[in-house]
Amino acid sequence: MGTILGTILAFLIVFGILVFIHEFGHFFMAKLMGIRVEVFSFGYGKRLLGFKKGNTDYRISLIPMGGYVKMLGEGMFEPGRALNQTAGFHKATEVLLVQTNTC
């Protein structure tokens, strides 16, 4: 039987792999649907290291207990940000028009 420290370390490694696979699923589907991904992050908080390729910033952040994928247009309803400041607004409008057959 292993030590408690070994068990915690194994849990963190397995959890990290699951988080990465989960977030990659969001990333893959966004790319598949033609949605621009602005940030793919493993972890939360301050960026520790990473690189930018194309329009996407790939990063590893300070707190490795999660992650996120920021797609174009997310945060467009934040206070102080006009709707027409994002290309995501135009893409969403285009999708709505196509879905309702009014274009």
PDB file of N, CA and C in Angstrom:
ATOM      1  N   MET A   1       0.846  -1.185   0.000  1.00  0.00           N
ATOM      2  CA  MET A   1       0.000   0.000   0.000  1.00  0.00           C
ATOM      3  C   MET A   1       0.888   1.244   0.000  1.00  0.00           C
ATOM      4  N   GLY A   2       0.518   2.232  -0.814  1.00  0.00           N
ATOM      5  CA  GLY A   2       1.308   3.450  -0.933  1.00  0.00           C
ATOM      6  C   GLY A   2       1.037   4.429   0.188  1.00  0.00           C
ATOM      7  N   THR A   3       1.818   5.455   0.188  1.00  0.00           N
ATOM      8  CA  THR A   3       1.646   6.499   1.189  1.00  0.00           C
ATOM      9  C   THR A   3       0.544   7.463   0.756  1.00  0.00           C
ATOM     10  N   ILE A   4       0.103   8.251   1.698  1.00  0.00           N
ATOM     11  CA  ILE A   4      -0.932   9.237   1.402  1.00  0.00           C
ATOM     12  C   ILE A   4      -0.417  10.264   0.394  1.00  0.00           C
ATOM     13  N   LEU A   5       0.861  10.594   0.475  1.00  0.00           N
ATOM     14  CA  LEU A   5       1.452  11.541  -0.459  1.00  0.00           C
ATOM     15  C   LEU A   5       1.441  10.976  -1.879  1.00  0.00           C
ATOM     16  N   GLY A   6       1.743   9.692  -2.020  1.00  0.00           N
ATOM     17  CA  GLY A   6       1.700   9.035  -3.325  1.00  0.00           C
ATOM     18  C   GLY A   6       0.291   8.995  -3.882  1.00  0.00           C
ATOM     19  N   THR A   7      -0.691   8.763  -3.004  1.00  0.00           N
ATOM     20  CA  THR A   7      -2.091   8.737  -3.431  1.00  0.00           C
ATOM     21  C   THR A   7      -2.536  10.116  -3.911  1.00  0.00           C
ATOM     22  N   ILE A   8      -2.161  11.148  -3.190  1.00  0.00           N
ATOM     23  CA  ILE A   8      -2.520  12.518  -3.582  1.00  0.00           C
ATOM     24  C   ILE A   8      -1.859  12.874  -4.912  1.00  0.00           C
ATOM     25  N   LEU A   9      -0.595  12.509  -5.064  1.00  0.00           N
ATOM     26  CA  LEU A   9       0.112  12.790  -6.311  1.00  0.00           C
ATOM     27  C   LEU A   9      -0.536  12.059  -7.489  1.00  0.00           C
ATOM     28  N   ALA A  10      -0.898  10.801  -7.298  1.00  0.00           N
ATOM     29  CA  ALA A  10      -1.565  10.035  -8.358  1.00  0.00           C
ATOM     30  C   ALA A  10      -2.912  10.668  -8.721  1.00  0.00           C
ATOM     31  N   PHE A  11      -3.663  11.091  -7.710  1.00  0.00           N
ATOM     32  CA  PHE A  11      -4.946  11.749  -7.950  1.00  0.00           C
ATOM     33  C   PHE A  11      -4.764  13.016  -8.787  1.00  0.00           C
ATOM     34  N   LEU A  12      -3.772  13.837  -8.417  1.00  0.00           N
ATOM     35  CA  LEU A  12      -3.542  15.089  -9.134  1.00  0.00           C
ATOM     36  C   LEU A  12      -3.134  14.842 -10.589  1.00  0.00           C
ATOM     37  N   ILE A  13      -2.342  13.824 -10.823  1.00  0.00           N
ATOM     38  CA  ILE A  13      -1.931  13.496 -12.196  1.00  0.00           C
ATOM     39  C   ILE A  13      -3.126  13.030 -13.011  1.00  0.00           C
ATOM     40  N   VAL A  14      -3.913  12.123 -12.470  1.00  0.00           N
ATOM     41  CA  VAL A  14      -5.091  11.623 -13.191  1.00  0.00           C
ATOM     42  C   VAL A  14      -6.103  12.747 -13.401  1.00  0.00           C
ATOM     43  N   PHE A  15      -6.319  13.566 -12.388  1.00  0.00           N
ATOM     44  CA  PHE A  15      -7.254  14.691 -12.504  1.00  0.00           C
ATOM     45  C   PHE A  15      -6.782  15.665 -13.586  1.00  0.00           C
ATOM     46  N   GLY A  16      -5.492  15.939 -13.614  1.00  0.00           N
ATOM     47  CA  GLY A  16      -4.933  16.830 -14.623  1.00  0.00           C
ATOM     48  C   GLY A  16      -5.133  16.295 -16.034  1.00  0.00           C
ATOM     49  N   ILE A  17      -4.950  15.003 -16.219  1.00  0.00           N
ATOM     50  CA  ILE A  17      -5.165  14.388 -17.532  1.00  0.00           C
ATOM     51  C   ILE A  17      -6.627  14.508 -17.938  1.00  0.00           C
ATOM     52  N   LEU A  18      -7.527  14.248 -17.002  1.00  0.00           N
ATOM     53  CA  LEU A  18      -8.963  14.361 -17.300  1.00  0.00           C
ATOM     54  C   LEU A  18      -9.358  15.788 -17.658  1.00  0.00           C
ATOM     55  N   VAL A  19      -8.831  16.756 -16.927  1.00  0.00           N
ATOM     56  CA  VAL A  19      -9.133  18.167 -17.212  1.00  0.00           C
ATOM     57  C   VAL A  19      -8.631  18.528 -18.603  1.00  0.00           C
ATOM     58  N   PHE A  20      -7.409  18.100 -18.931  1.00  0.00           N
ATOM     59  CA  PHE A  20      -6.840  18.418 -20.238  1.00  0.00           C
ATOM     60  C   PHE A  20      -7.694  17.828 -21.359  1.00  0.00           C
ATOM     61  N   ILE A  21      -8.093  16.569 -21.219  1.00  0.00           N
ATOM     62  CA  ILE A  21      -8.928  15.918 -22.238  1.00  0.00           C
ATOM     63  C   ILE A  21     -10.275  16.635 -22.361  1.00  0.00           C
ATOM     64  N   HIS A  22     -10.864  16.998 -21.227  1.00  0.00           N
ATOM     65  CA  HIS A  22     -12.151  17.705 -21.228  1.00  0.00           C
ATOM     66  C   HIS A  22     -12.039  19.038 -21.973  1.00  0.00           C
ATOM     67  N   GLU A  23     -11.037  19.830 -21.630  1.00  0.00           N
ATOM     68  CA  GLU A  23     -10.870  21.142 -22.269  1.00  0.00           C
ATOM     69  C   GLU A  23     -10.498  20.999 -23.736  1.00  0.00           C
ATOM     70  N   PHE A  24      -9.727  19.968 -24.067  1.00  0.00           N
ATOM     71  CA  PHE A  24      -9.395  19.735 -25.470  1.00  0.00           C
ATOM     72  C   PHE A  24     -10.659  19.434 -26.271  1.00  0.00           C
ATOM     73  N   GLY A  25     -11.627  18.775 -25.643  1.00  0.00           N
ATOM     74  CA  GLY A  25     -12.905  18.517 -26.313  1.00  0.00           C
ATOM     75  C   GLY A  25     -13.609  19.807 -26.692  1.00  0.00           C
ATOM     76  N   HIS A  26     -13.604  20.791 -25.793  1.00  0.00           N
ATOM     77  CA  HIS A  26     -14.186  22.104 -26.103  1.00  0.00           C
ATOM     78  C   HIS A  26     -13.414  22.754 -27.262  1.00  0.00           C
ATOM     79  N   PHE A  27     -12.093  22.703 -27.174  1.00  0.00           N
ATOM     80  CA  PHE A  27     -11.234  23.291 -28.194  1.00  0.00           C
ATOM     81  C   PHE A  27     -11.477  22.645 -29.557  1.00  0.00           C
ATOM     82  N   PHE A  28     -11.499  21.330 -29.591  1.00  0.00           N
ATOM     83  CA  PHE A  28     -11.673  20.589 -30.839  1.00  0.00           C
ATOM     84  C   PHE A  28     -13.024  20.897 -31.486  1.00  0.00           C
ATOM     85  N   MET A  29     -14.085  20.903 -30.687  1.00  0.00           N
ATOM     86  CA  MET A  29     -15.416  21.177 -31.240  1.00  0.00           C
ATOM     87  C   MET A  29     -15.529  22.621 -31.736  1.00  0.00           C
ATOM     88  N   ALA A  30     -14.924  23.564 -31.025  1.00  0.00           N
ATOM     89  CA  ALA A  30     -14.946  24.956 -31.485  1.00  0.00           C
ATOM     90  C   ALA A  30     -14.249  25.070 -32.837  1.00  0.00           C
ATOM     91  N   LYS A  31     -13.088  24.466 -32.964  1.00  0.00           N
ATOM     92  CA  LYS A  31     -12.353  24.504 -34.235  1.00  0.00           C
ATOM     93  C   LYS A  31     -13.150  23.799 -35.331  1.00  0.00           C
ATOM     94  N   LEU A  32     -13.759  22.681 -34.999  1.00  0.00           N
ATOM     95  CA  LEU A  32     -14.551  21.923 -35.967  1.00  0.00           C
ATOM     96  C   LEU A  32     -15.734  22.745 -36.484  1.00  0.00           C
ATOM     97  N   MET A  33     -16.328  23.552 -35.615  1.00  0.00           N
ATOM     98  CA  MET A  33     -17.475  24.368 -35.997  1.00  0.00           C
ATOM     99  C   MET A  33     -17.063  25.723 -36.580  1.00  0.00           C
ATOM    100  N   GLY A  34     -15.779  25.985 -36.682  1.00  0.00           N
ATOM    101  CA  GLY A  34     -15.304  27.228 -37.278  1.00  0.00           C
ATOM    102  C   GLY A  34     -15.309  28.415 -36.339  1.00  0.00           C
ATOM    103  N   ILE A  35     -15.328  28.172 -35.040  1.00  0.00           N
ATOM    104  CA  ILE A  35     -15.305  29.249 -34.053  1.00  0.00           C
ATOM    105  C   ILE A  35     -13.854  29.509 -33.662  1.00  0.00           C
ATOM    106  N   ARG A  36     -13.449  30.770 -33.698  1.00  0.00           N
ATOM    107  CA  ARG A  36     -12.070  31.107 -33.346  1.00  0.00           C
ATOM    108  C   ARG A  36     -11.861  30.957 -31.844  1.00  0.00           C
ATOM    109  N   VAL A  37     -10.802  30.278 -31.469  1.00  0.00           N
ATOM    110  CA  VAL A  37     -10.440  30.098 -30.062  1.00  0.00           C
ATOM    111  C   VAL A  37      -9.353  31.103 -29.733  1.00  0.00           C
ATOM    112  N   GLU A  38      -9.627  31.962 -28.745  1.00  0.00           N
ATOM    113  CA  GLU A  38      -8.655  32.985 -28.363  1.00  0.00           C
ATOM    114  C   GLU A  38      -7.646  32.454 -27.354  1.00  0.00           C
ATOM    115  N   VAL A  39      -8.104  31.624 -26.385  1.00  0.00           N
ATOM    116  CA  VAL A  39      -7.215  31.105 -25.349  1.00  0.00           C
ATOM    117  C   VAL A  39      -7.550  29.650 -25.065  1.00  0.00           C
ATOM    118  N   PHE A  40      -6.514  28.813 -25.005  1.00  0.00           N
ATOM    119  CA  PHE A  40      -6.636  27.437 -24.512  1.00  0.00           C
ATOM    120  C   PHE A  40      -5.715  27.365 -23.311  1.00  0.00           C
ATOM    121  N   SER A  41      -6.288  27.240 -22.116  1.00  0.00           N
ATOM    122  CA  SER A  41      -5.496  27.289 -20.894  1.00  0.00           C
ATOM    123  C   SER A  41      -5.661  26.028 -20.062  1.00  0.00           C
ATOM    124  N   PHE A  42      -4.537  25.474 -19.631  1.00  0.00           N
ATOM    125  CA  PHE A  42      -4.532  24.403 -18.652  1.00  0.00           C
ATOM    126  C   PHE A  42      -4.206  25.071 -17.329  1.00  0.00           C
ATOM    127  N   GLY A  43      -5.207  25.205 -16.488  1.00  0.00           N
ATOM    128  CA  GLY A  43      -5.050  25.902 -15.223  1.00  0.00           C
ATOM    129  C   GLY A  43      -5.746  27.256 -15.249  1.00  0.00           C
ATOM    130  N   TYR A  44      -5.854  27.842 -14.063  1.00  0.00           N
ATOM    131  CA  TYR A  44      -6.481  29.155 -13.895  1.00  0.00           C
ATOM    132  C   TYR A  44      -5.454  30.126 -13.348  1.00  0.00           C
ATOM    133  N   GLY A  45      -5.815  31.385 -13.397  1.00  0.00           N
ATOM    134  CA  GLY A  45      -4.974  32.406 -12.787  1.00  0.00           C
ATOM    135  C   GLY A  45      -3.916  32.930 -13.728  1.00  0.00           C
ATOM    136  N   LYS A  46      -2.830  33.389 -13.126  1.00  0.00           N
ATOM    137  CA  LYS A  46      -1.748  34.023 -13.874  1.00  0.00           C
ATOM    138  C   LYS A  46      -1.085  33.034 -14.834  1.00  0.00           C
ATOM    139  N   ARG A  47      -0.805  33.517 -16.021  1.00  0.00           N
ATOM    140  CA  ARG A  47      -0.120  32.705 -17.035  1.00  0.00           C
ATOM    141  C   ARG A  47       1.321  32.464 -16.600  1.00  0.00           C
ATOM    142  N   LEU A  48       1.734  31.194 -16.597  1.00  0.00           N
ATOM    143  CA  LEU A  48       3.112  30.861 -16.257  1.00  0.00           C
ATOM    144  C   LEU A  48       3.983  30.768 -17.504  1.00  0.00           C
ATOM    145  N   LEU A  49       3.489  30.030 -18.495  1.00  0.00           N
ATOM    146  CA  LEU A  49       4.207  29.905 -19.754  1.00  0.00           C
ATOM    147  C   LEU A  49       3.242  29.519 -20.856  1.00  0.00           C
ATOM    148  N   GLY A  50       3.693  29.674 -22.070  1.00  0.00           N
ATOM    149  CA  GLY A  50       2.842  29.338 -23.195  1.00  0.00           C
ATOM    150  C   GLY A  50       3.363  29.935 -24.480  1.00  0.00           C
ATOM    151  N   PHE A  51       2.576  29.827 -25.514  1.00  0.00           N
ATOM    152  CA  PHE A  51       2.942  30.381 -26.804  1.00  0.00           C
ATOM    153  C   PHE A  51       1.674  30.734 -27.565  1.00  0.00           C
ATOM    154  N   LYS A  52       1.841  31.568 -28.573  1.00  0.00           N
ATOM    155  CA  LYS A  52       0.710  31.962 -29.400  1.00  0.00           C
ATOM    156  C   LYS A  52       0.954  31.439 -30.807  1.00  0.00           C
ATOM    157  N   LYS A  53      -0.032  30.704 -31.322  1.00  0.00           N
ATOM    158  CA  LYS A  53       0.043  30.181 -32.685  1.00  0.00           C
ATOM    159  C   LYS A  53      -1.242  30.584 -33.395  1.00  0.00           C
ATOM    160  N   GLY A  54      -1.105  31.359 -34.451  1.00  0.00           N
ATOM    161  CA  GLY A  54      -2.292  31.866 -35.128  1.00  0.00           C
ATOM    162  C   GLY A  54      -3.012  32.840 -34.212  1.00  0.00           C
ATOM    163  N   ASN A  55      -4.318  32.633 -34.051  1.00  0.00           N
ATOM    164  CA  ASN A  55      -5.120  33.500 -33.179  1.00  0.00           C
ATOM    165  C   ASN A  55      -5.270  32.945 -31.771  1.00  0.00           C
ATOM    166  N   THR A  56      -4.678  31.788 -31.484  1.00  0.00           N
ATOM    167  CA  THR A  56      -4.885  31.124 -30.205  1.00  0.00           C
ATOM    168  C   THR A  56      -3.660  31.250 -29.305  1.00  0.00           C
ATOM    169  N   ASP A  57      -3.916  31.621 -28.046  1.00  0.00           N
ATOM    170  CA  ASP A  57      -2.874  31.681 -27.024  1.00  0.00           C
ATOM    171  C   ASP A  57      -2.962  30.393 -26.209  1.00  0.00           C
ATOM    172  N   TYR A  58      -1.975  29.517 -26.353  1.00  0.00           N
ATOM    173  CA  TYR A  58      -1.907  28.264 -25.602  1.00  0.00           C
ATOM    174  C   TYR A  58      -1.089  28.546 -24.355  1.00  0.00           C
ATOM    175  N   ARG A  59      -1.649  28.206 -23.171  1.00  0.00           N
ATOM    176  CA  ARG A  59      -0.941  28.560 -21.946  1.00  0.00           C
ATOM    177  C   ARG A  59      -1.114  27.540 -20.838  1.00  0.00           C
ATOM    178  N   ILE A  60      -0.151  27.564 -19.929  1.00  0.00           N
ATOM    179  CA  ILE A  60      -0.237  26.835 -18.666  1.00  0.00           C
ATOM    180  C   ILE A  60      -0.293  27.911 -17.597  1.00  0.00           C
ATOM    181  N   SER A  61      -1.316  27.828 -16.747  1.00  0.00           N
ATOM    182  CA  SER A  61      -1.534  28.864 -15.739  1.00  0.00           C
ATOM    183  C   SER A  61      -1.207  28.351 -14.345  1.00  0.00           C
ATOM    184  N   LEU A  62      -1.230  29.256 -13.388  1.00  0.00           N
ATOM    185  CA  LEU A  62      -0.738  29.022 -12.035  1.00  0.00           C
ATOM    186  C   LEU A  62      -1.452  27.902 -11.277  1.00  0.00           C
ATOM    187  N   ILE A  63      -2.774  27.861 -11.308  1.00  0.00           N
ATOM    188  CA  ILE A  63      -3.531  26.884 -10.516  1.00  0.00           C
ATOM    189  C   ILE A  63      -3.986  25.751 -11.438  1.00  0.00           C
ATOM    190  N   PRO A  64      -3.337  24.575 -11.358  1.00  0.00           N
ATOM    191  CA  PRO A  64      -3.610  23.495 -12.318  1.00  0.00           C
ATOM    192  C   PRO A  64      -4.831  22.637 -11.992  1.00  0.00           C
ATOM    193  N   MET A  65      -5.780  23.174 -11.286  1.00  0.00           N
ATOM    194  CA  MET A  65      -6.964  22.383 -10.916  1.00  0.00           C
ATOM    195  C   MET A  65      -8.153  22.694 -11.814  1.00  0.00           C
ATOM    196  N   GLY A  66      -7.901  22.898 -13.071  1.00  0.00           N
ATOM    197  CA  GLY A  66      -8.958  23.197 -14.025  1.00  0.00           C
ATOM    198  C   GLY A  66      -8.351  23.735 -15.302  1.00  0.00           C
ATOM    199  N   GLY A  67      -9.169  24.388 -16.076  1.00  0.00           N
ATOM    200  CA  GLY A  67      -8.713  24.965 -17.321  1.00  0.00           C
ATOM    201  C   GLY A  67      -9.883  25.630 -18.008  1.00  0.00           C
ATOM    202  N   TYR A  68      -9.613  26.259 -19.128  1.00  0.00           N
ATOM    203  CA  TYR A  68     -10.699  26.887 -19.866  1.00  0.00           C
ATOM    204  C   TYR A  68     -10.306  27.102 -21.316  1.00  0.00           C
ATOM    205  N   VAL A  69     -11.328  27.266 -22.139  1.00  0.00           N
ATOM    206  CA  VAL A  69     -11.173  27.611 -23.545  1.00  0.00           C
ATOM    207  C   VAL A  69     -12.004  28.871 -23.766  1.00  0.00           C
ATOM    208  N   LYS A  70     -11.334  29.959 -24.142  1.00  0.00           N
ATOM    209  CA  LYS A  70     -12.048  31.219 -24.403  1.00  0.00           C
ATOM    210  C   LYS A  70     -12.237  31.340 -25.909  1.00  0.00           C
ATOM    211  N   MET A  71     -13.496  31.360 -26.318  1.00  0.00           N
ATOM    212  CA  MET A  71     -13.825  31.459 -27.730  1.00  0.00           C
ATOM    213  C   MET A  71     -14.177  32.900 -28.079  1.00  0.00           C
ATOM    214  N   LEU A  72     -14.043  33.223 -29.350  1.00  0.00           N
ATOM    215  CA  LEU A  72     -14.369  34.554 -29.821  1.00  0.00           C
ATOM    216  C   LEU A  72     -15.818  34.883 -29.495  1.00  0.00           C
ATOM    217  N   GLY A  73     -16.039  36.032 -28.902  1.00  0.00           N
ATOM    218  CA  GLY A  73     -17.390  36.462 -28.566  1.00  0.00           C
ATOM    219  C   GLY A  73     -17.748  36.219 -27.112  1.00  0.00           C
ATOM    220  N   GLU A  74     -16.985  35.394 -26.415  1.00  0.00           N
ATOM    221  CA  GLU A  74     -17.274  35.205 -24.991  1.00  0.00           C
ATOM    222  C   GLU A  74     -16.926  36.491 -24.261  1.00  0.00           C
ATOM    223  N   GLY A  75     -17.760  36.863 -23.343  1.00  0.00           N
ATOM    224  CA  GLY A  75     -17.545  38.097 -22.601  1.00  0.00           C
ATOM    225  C   GLY A  75     -18.094  39.320 -23.310  1.00  0.00           C
ATOM    226  N   MET A  76     -18.857  39.101 -24.387  1.00  0.00           N
ATOM    227  CA  MET A  76     -19.358  40.249 -25.133  1.00  0.00           C
ATOM    228  C   MET A  76     -20.451  41.001 -24.386  1.00  0.00           C
ATOM    229  N   PHE A  77     -20.971  40.420 -23.318  1.00  0.00           N
ATOM    230  CA  PHE A  77     -22.000  41.102 -22.532  1.00  0.00           C
ATOM    231  C   PHE A  77     -21.436  41.667 -21.234  1.00  0.00           C
ATOM    232  N   GLU A  78     -20.123  41.764 -21.132  1.00  0.00           N
ATOM    233  CA  GLU A  78     -19.507  42.346 -19.953  1.00  0.00           C
ATOM    234  C   GLU A  78     -19.805  43.839 -19.906  1.00  0.00           C
ATOM    235  N   PRO A  79     -19.930  44.400 -18.703  1.00  0.00           N
ATOM    236  CA  PRO A  79     -20.202  45.834 -18.587  1.00  0.00           C
ATOM    237  C   PRO A  79     -19.123  46.663 -19.281  1.00  0.00           C
ATOM    238  N   GLY A  80     -19.551  47.679 -20.001  1.00  0.00           N
ATOM    239  CA  GLY A  80     -18.613  48.565 -20.670  1.00  0.00           C
ATOM    240  C   GLY A  80     -18.147  48.085 -22.032  1.00  0.00           C
ATOM    241  N   ARG A  81     -18.643  46.969 -22.489  1.00  0.00           N
ATOM    242  CA  ARG A  81     -18.232  46.444 -23.793  1.00  0.00           C
ATOM    243  C   ARG A  81     -19.441  46.428 -24.713  1.00  0.00           C
ATOM    244  N   ALA A  82     -19.378  47.198 -25.772  1.00  0.00           N
ATOM    245  CA  ALA A  82     -20.500  47.273 -26.706  1.00  0.00           C
ATOM    246  C   ALA A  82     -20.607  45.993 -27.512  1.00  0.00           C
ATOM    247  N   LEU A  83     -21.821  45.622 -27.882  1.00  0.00           N
ATOM    248  CA  LEU A  83     -22.042  44.398 -28.645  1.00  0.00           C
ATOM    249  C   LEU A  83     -21.303  44.398 -29.965  1.00  0.00           C
ATOM    250  N   ASN A  84     -21.258  45.524 -30.630  1.00  0.00           N
ATOM    251  CA  ASN A  84     -20.656  45.544 -31.953  1.00  0.00           C
ATOM    252  C   ASN A  84     -19.128  45.591 -31.921  1.00  0.00           C
ATOM    253  N   GLN A  85     -18.503  45.505 -30.741  1.00  0.00           N
ATOM    254  CA  GLN A  85     -17.047  45.505 -30.650  1.00  0.00           C
ATOM    255  C   GLN A  85     -16.450  44.134 -30.913  1.00  0.00           C
ATOM    256  N   THR A  86     -17.244  43.121 -31.016  1.00  0.00           N
ATOM    257  CA  THR A  86     -16.710  41.780 -31.220  1.00  0.00           C
ATOM    258  C   THR A  86     -17.197  41.196 -32.528  1.00  0.00           C
ATOM    259  N   ALA A  87     -16.294  40.489 -33.178  1.00  0.00           N
ATOM    260  CA  ALA A  87     -16.687  39.782 -34.400  1.00  0.00           C
ATOM    261  C   ALA A  87     -17.641  38.647 -34.053  1.00  0.00           C
ATOM    262  N   GLY A  88     -17.584  38.179 -32.807  1.00  0.00           N
ATOM    263  CA  GLY A  88     -18.478  37.110 -32.372  1.00  0.00           C
ATOM    264  C   GLY A  88     -19.938  37.510 -32.462  1.00  0.00           C
ATOM    265  N   PHE A  89     -20.223  38.789 -32.232  1.00  0.00           N
ATOM    266  CA  PHE A  89     -21.588  39.278 -32.355  1.00  0.00           C
ATOM    267  C   PHE A  89     -22.077  39.123 -33.786  1.00  0.00           C
ATOM    268  N   HIS A  90     -21.224  39.479 -34.735  1.00  0.00           N
ATOM    269  CA  HIS A  90     -21.602  39.369 -36.140  1.00  0.00           C
ATOM    270  C   HIS A  90     -21.779  37.909 -36.548  1.00  0.00           C
ATOM    271  N   LYS A  91     -20.910  37.024 -36.056  1.00  0.00           N
ATOM    272  CA  LYS A  91     -21.019  35.590 -36.357  1.00  0.00           C
ATOM    273  C   LYS A  91     -22.309  35.039 -35.768  1.00  0.00           C
ATOM    274  N   ALA A  92     -22.631  35.418 -34.515  1.00  0.00           N
ATOM    275  CA  ALA A  92     -23.862  34.938 -33.884  1.00  0.00           C
ATOM    276  C   ALA A  92     -25.084  35.427 -34.638  1.00  0.00           C
ATOM    277  N   THR A  93     -25.057  36.673 -35.099  1.00  0.00           N
ATOM    278  CA  THR A  93     -26.171  37.213 -35.878  1.00  0.00           C
ATOM    279  C   THR A  93     -26.329  36.446 -37.183  1.00  0.00           C
ATOM    280  N   GLU A  94     -25.210  36.154 -37.823  1.00  0.00           N
ATOM    281  CA  GLU A  94     -25.237  35.397 -39.077  1.00  0.00           C
ATOM    282  C   GLU A  94     -25.818  34.003 -38.863  1.00  0.00           C
ATOM    283  N   VAL A  95     -25.410  33.344 -37.790  1.00  0.00           N
ATOM    284  CA  VAL A  95     -25.934  32.009 -37.496  1.00  0.00           C
ATOM    285  C   VAL A  95     -27.434  32.053 -37.234  1.00  0.00           C
ATOM    286  N   LEU A  96     -27.881  33.050 -36.475  1.00  0.00           N
ATOM    287  CA  LEU A  96     -29.306  33.178 -36.186  1.00  0.00           C
ATOM    288  C   LEU A  96     -30.114  33.410 -37.465  1.00  0.00           C
ATOM    289  N   LEU A  97     -29.576  34.255 -38.342  1.00  0.00           N
ATOM    290  CA  LEU A  97     -30.288  34.522 -39.590  1.00  0.00           C
ATOM    291  C   LEU A  97     -30.373  33.288 -40.459  1.00  0.00           C
ATOM    292  N   VAL A  98     -29.308  32.521 -40.526  1.00  0.00           N
ATOM    293  CA  VAL A  98     -29.314  31.294 -41.328  1.00  0.00           C
ATOM    294  C   VAL A  98     -30.268  30.281 -40.735  1.00  0.00           C
ATOM    295  N   GLN A  99     -30.288  30.154 -39.421  1.00  0.00           N
ATOM    296  CA  GLN A  99     -31.152  29.173 -38.770  1.00  0.00           C
ATOM    297  C   GLN A  99     -32.623  29.530 -38.922  1.00  0.00           C
ATOM    298  N   THR A 100     -32.931  30.821 -39.009  1.00  0.00           N
ATOM    299  CA  THR A 100     -34.334  31.227 -39.137  1.00  0.00           C
ATOM    300  C   THR A 100     -34.730  31.458 -40.589  1.00  0.00           C
ATOM    301  N   ASN A 101     -33.791  31.222 -41.511  1.00  0.00           N
ATOM    302  CA  ASN A 101     -34.038  31.370 -42.950  1.00  0.00           C
ATOM    303  C   ASN A 101     -34.541  32.761 -43.330  1.00  0.00           C
ATOM    304  N   THR A 102     -34.008  33.799 -42.694  1.00  0.00           N
ATOM    305  CA  THR A 102     -34.442  35.151 -43.000  1.00  0.00           C
ATOM    306  C   THR A 102     -33.394  35.951 -43.749  1.00  0.00           C
ATOM    307  N   CYS A 103     -32.301  35.323 -44.151  1.00  0.00           N
ATOM    308  CA  CYS A 103     -31.254  36.099 -44.833  1.00  0.00           C
ATOM    309  C   CYS A 103     -31.394  36.016 -46.329  1.00  0.00           C
TER     310      CYS A 103
END
